[in-house]
């Protein structure tokens, strides 16, 4: 019997990611809204076929906390005077009280330690961006298989081959021209 994967809450400190990853930094320096959208798009693409709930938290400046749902990602902007870190800590406490698994991506050590104490999984934003930039698992398996076959049959592109010892044998169909048959004799 197949076990269904249980969804977990994946919490992301949005500005940590944007400020620390080169691909987001350059865009964020020009257009912060576009960097936020790129992060959201990448998270949607990575987690769209999973049961996980993805929540990105940003430091906000409104009088109250703002929440937006876009596709499968919930975006939260903290209110003025409240940090994204404190929103993440509150969300972790709520999720763990409801016995949901929690995974956070933040570079703040206090947040990571707090999550770990509550039984959640804490990772750095670098780990998230590596995860987001990784090839899909099927493509990664195919690439790994091809590398193994190349090594097994001495086709490793990193190796140098002595081409003088290799004699090219064309396949039977290569190099032959079909004879034209004439219907009119």
Protein backbone atom coordinates (compact mmCIF):
# COMPACT_ATOMS: atom_id res chain seq x y z
CA UNK A 1 0.00 0.00 0.00
CA UNK A 2 1.40 3.37 -1.00
CA UNK A 3 1.72 5.96 1.70
CA UNK A 4 0.61 9.43 0.78
CA UNK A 5 3.11 12.15 1.49
CA UNK A 6 1.94 14.29 4.36
CA UNK A 7 2.07 17.99 3.70
CA UNK A 8 4.10 20.29 5.86
CA UNK A 9 4.29 24.04 6.31
CA UNK A 10 7.27 25.49 4.47
CA UNK A 11 8.07 28.97 5.81
CA UNK A 12 10.46 31.23 3.92
CA UNK A 13 12.00 34.48 5.12
CA UNK A 14 11.58 36.23 1.78
CA UNK A 15 14.01 39.10 2.17
CA UNK A 16 16.70 36.75 3.53
CA UNK A 17 16.53 34.87 0.23
CA UNK A 18 16.43 38.00 -1.94
CA UNK A 19 19.34 39.68 -0.10
CA UNK A 20 21.62 36.62 -0.03
CA UNK A 21 21.22 34.89 -3.40
CA UNK A 22 22.97 36.47 -6.38
CA UNK A 23 20.15 35.81 -8.86
CA UNK A 24 17.66 37.61 -6.61
CA UNK A 25 20.10 40.33 -5.45
CA UNK A 26 20.66 41.78 -8.89
CA UNK A 27 16.95 41.87 -9.66
CA UNK A 28 16.08 43.13 -6.16
CA UNK A 29 18.49 46.05 -6.53
CA UNK A 30 16.57 47.19 -9.62
CA UNK A 31 13.01 46.15 -8.76
CA UNK A 32 12.17 44.64 -5.37
CA UNK A 33 8.62 43.74 -6.44
CA UNK A 34 10.00 41.76 -9.39
CA UNK A 35 12.42 39.91 -7.07
CA UNK A 36 9.52 39.01 -4.75
CA UNK A 37 7.52 37.78 -7.75
CA UNK A 38 10.46 35.70 -9.02
CA UNK A 39 10.84 34.06 -5.60
CA UNK A 40 7.13 33.30 -5.49
CA UNK A 41 7.17 31.88 -9.04
CA UNK A 42 10.10 29.60 -8.24
CA UNK A 43 8.44 28.33 -5.07
CA UNK A 44 5.17 27.71 -6.93
CA UNK A 45 7.03 25.75 -9.61
CA UNK A 46 9.01 23.69 -7.11
CA UNK A 47 6.13 22.77 -4.81
CA UNK A 48 3.13 22.75 -7.18
CA UNK A 49 2.79 18.96 -7.17
CA UNK A 50 3.22 18.51 -3.44
CA UNK A 51 0.83 18.61 -0.50
CA UNK A 52 2.95 21.25 1.24
CA UNK A 53 1.75 24.71 2.18
CA UNK A 54 4.34 27.33 1.24
CA UNK A 55 4.33 30.62 3.13
CA UNK A 56 6.69 33.49 2.30
CA UNK A 57 7.04 36.13 5.00
CA UNK A 58 8.30 39.65 4.27
CA UNK A 59 8.88 42.60 6.56
CA UNK A 60 6.00 44.96 5.89
CA UNK A 61 5.10 48.52 6.77
CA UNK A 62 1.31 48.43 7.04
CA UNK A 63 -0.77 49.13 10.13
CA UNK A 64 -1.85 45.49 10.13
CA UNK A 65 -0.48 42.21 8.82
CA UNK A 66 -1.31 41.71 5.14
CA UNK A 67 -1.89 38.24 3.66
CA UNK A 68 -2.17 37.42 -0.02
CA UNK A 69 -2.76 33.99 -1.59
CA UNK A 70 -1.26 33.54 -5.05
CA UNK A 71 -1.64 30.11 -6.59
CA UNK A 72 -0.30 27.69 -3.95
CA UNK A 73 1.76 30.23 -2.03
CA UNK A 74 0.61 32.39 0.84
CA UNK A 75 2.46 35.68 1.19
CA UNK A 76 2.48 37.51 4.50
CA UNK A 77 3.71 41.07 5.06
CA UNK A 78 4.31 41.83 8.73
CA UNK A 79 2.82 44.96 10.24
CA UNK A 80 4.94 47.97 11.15
CA UNK A 81 7.08 47.20 14.18
CA UNK A 82 6.89 43.43 13.74
CA UNK A 83 9.66 41.54 11.96
CA UNK A 84 9.27 38.69 9.51
CA UNK A 85 11.24 36.60 12.04
CA UNK A 86 8.58 37.11 14.72
CA UNK A 87 5.80 36.23 12.25
CA UNK A 88 7.68 33.06 11.32
CA UNK A 89 8.16 32.15 15.00
CA UNK A 90 4.41 32.63 15.61
CA UNK A 91 3.47 30.53 12.56
CA UNK A 92 5.83 27.75 13.67
CA UNK A 93 4.30 27.70 17.16
CA UNK A 94 0.78 27.53 15.69
CA UNK A 95 1.69 24.76 13.23
CA UNK A 96 3.49 22.65 15.84
CA UNK A 97 0.56 23.05 18.27
CA UNK A 98 -1.65 21.61 15.50
CA UNK A 99 0.96 18.81 15.08
CA UNK A 100 1.88 19.87 11.54
CA UNK A 101 5.44 19.38 10.33
CA UNK A 102 7.34 22.63 9.80
CA UNK A 103 10.33 23.45 7.63
CA UNK A 104 11.75 26.97 7.63
CA UNK A 105 14.31 28.71 5.47
CA UNK A 106 15.95 31.61 7.27
CA UNK A 107 19.48 32.75 7.99
CA UNK A 108 18.52 34.09 11.41
CA UNK A 109 20.11 31.76 13.98
CA UNK A 110 17.58 32.61 16.70
CA UNK A 111 14.70 31.62 14.42
CA UNK A 112 16.49 28.41 13.39
CA UNK A 113 17.15 27.46 17.02
CA UNK A 114 13.58 28.25 18.05
CA UNK A 115 12.20 26.04 15.27
CA UNK A 116 14.61 23.22 16.14
CA UNK A 117 13.54 23.38 19.81
CA UNK A 118 9.92 23.00 18.73
CA UNK A 119 10.74 19.95 16.60
CA UNK A 120 10.73 21.67 13.23
CA UNK A 121 13.36 21.59 10.52
CA UNK A 122 15.49 24.72 10.04
CA UNK A 123 17.58 25.35 6.95
CA UNK A 124 19.50 28.24 5.46
CA UNK A 125 18.31 30.30 2.52
CA UNK A 126 21.31 28.98 0.59
CA UNK A 127 19.89 25.48 0.92
CA UNK A 128 16.56 26.74 -0.39
CA UNK A 129 18.07 28.41 -3.45
CA UNK A 130 20.12 25.28 -4.24
CA UNK A 131 16.87 23.31 -3.95
CA UNK A 132 15.02 25.78 -6.19
CA UNK A 133 17.78 25.78 -8.79
CA UNK A 134 18.23 22.00 -8.84
CA UNK A 135 17.19 20.05 -11.89
CA UNK A 136 13.91 18.14 -11.63
CA UNK A 137 14.50 14.70 -10.11
CA UNK A 138 13.72 12.84 -13.37
CA UNK A 139 16.21 14.96 -15.28
CA UNK A 140 18.81 14.56 -12.55
CA UNK A 141 18.39 10.74 -12.65
CA UNK A 142 18.70 10.75 -16.45
CA UNK A 143 21.87 12.83 -16.27
CA UNK A 144 23.34 10.53 -13.61
CA UNK A 145 22.48 7.47 -15.73
CA UNK A 146 24.14 8.96 -18.81
CA UNK A 147 27.29 9.70 -16.83
CA UNK A 148 27.41 6.11 -15.58
CA UNK A 149 26.99 4.72 -19.11
CA UNK A 150 29.73 6.99 -20.44
CA UNK A 151 32.12 5.76 -17.75
CA UNK A 152 31.14 2.12 -18.23
CA UNK A 153 31.82 2.23 -21.95
CA UNK A 154 34.84 4.53 -21.69
CA UNK A 155 32.96 7.43 -23.19
CA UNK A 156 33.74 9.81 -20.37
CA UNK A 157 34.29 13.24 -21.97
CA UNK A 158 36.87 14.04 -19.28
CA UNK A 159 39.10 11.23 -20.52
CA UNK A 160 41.50 11.58 -23.40
CA UNK A 161 41.24 8.90 -26.06
CA UNK A 162 43.95 7.71 -28.40
CA UNK A 163 42.15 8.21 -31.68
CA UNK A 164 44.85 6.34 -33.64
CA UNK A 165 43.75 3.10 -32.00
CA UNK A 166 40.18 3.66 -33.01
CA UNK A 167 39.03 2.71 -36.45
CA UNK A 168 35.77 4.19 -37.61
CA UNK A 169 33.30 1.64 -38.91
CA UNK A 170 30.29 3.25 -40.54
CA UNK A 171 26.96 1.64 -39.89
CA UNK A 172 25.54 -0.35 -42.83
CA UNK A 173 23.03 2.36 -43.68
CA UNK A 174 25.43 5.26 -43.38
CA UNK A 175 27.06 6.46 -46.56
CA UNK A 176 24.97 4.36 -48.94
CA UNK A 177 22.71 5.92 -51.44
CA UNK A 178 19.58 4.21 -52.46
CA UNK A 179 19.47 3.21 -56.06
CA UNK A 180 16.75 4.88 -57.98
CA UNK A 181 14.56 2.53 -59.82
CA UNK A 182 12.95 3.71 -62.93
CA UNK A 183 9.37 2.84 -63.64
CA UNK A 184 9.81 3.66 -67.30
CA UNK A 185 11.94 1.28 -69.27
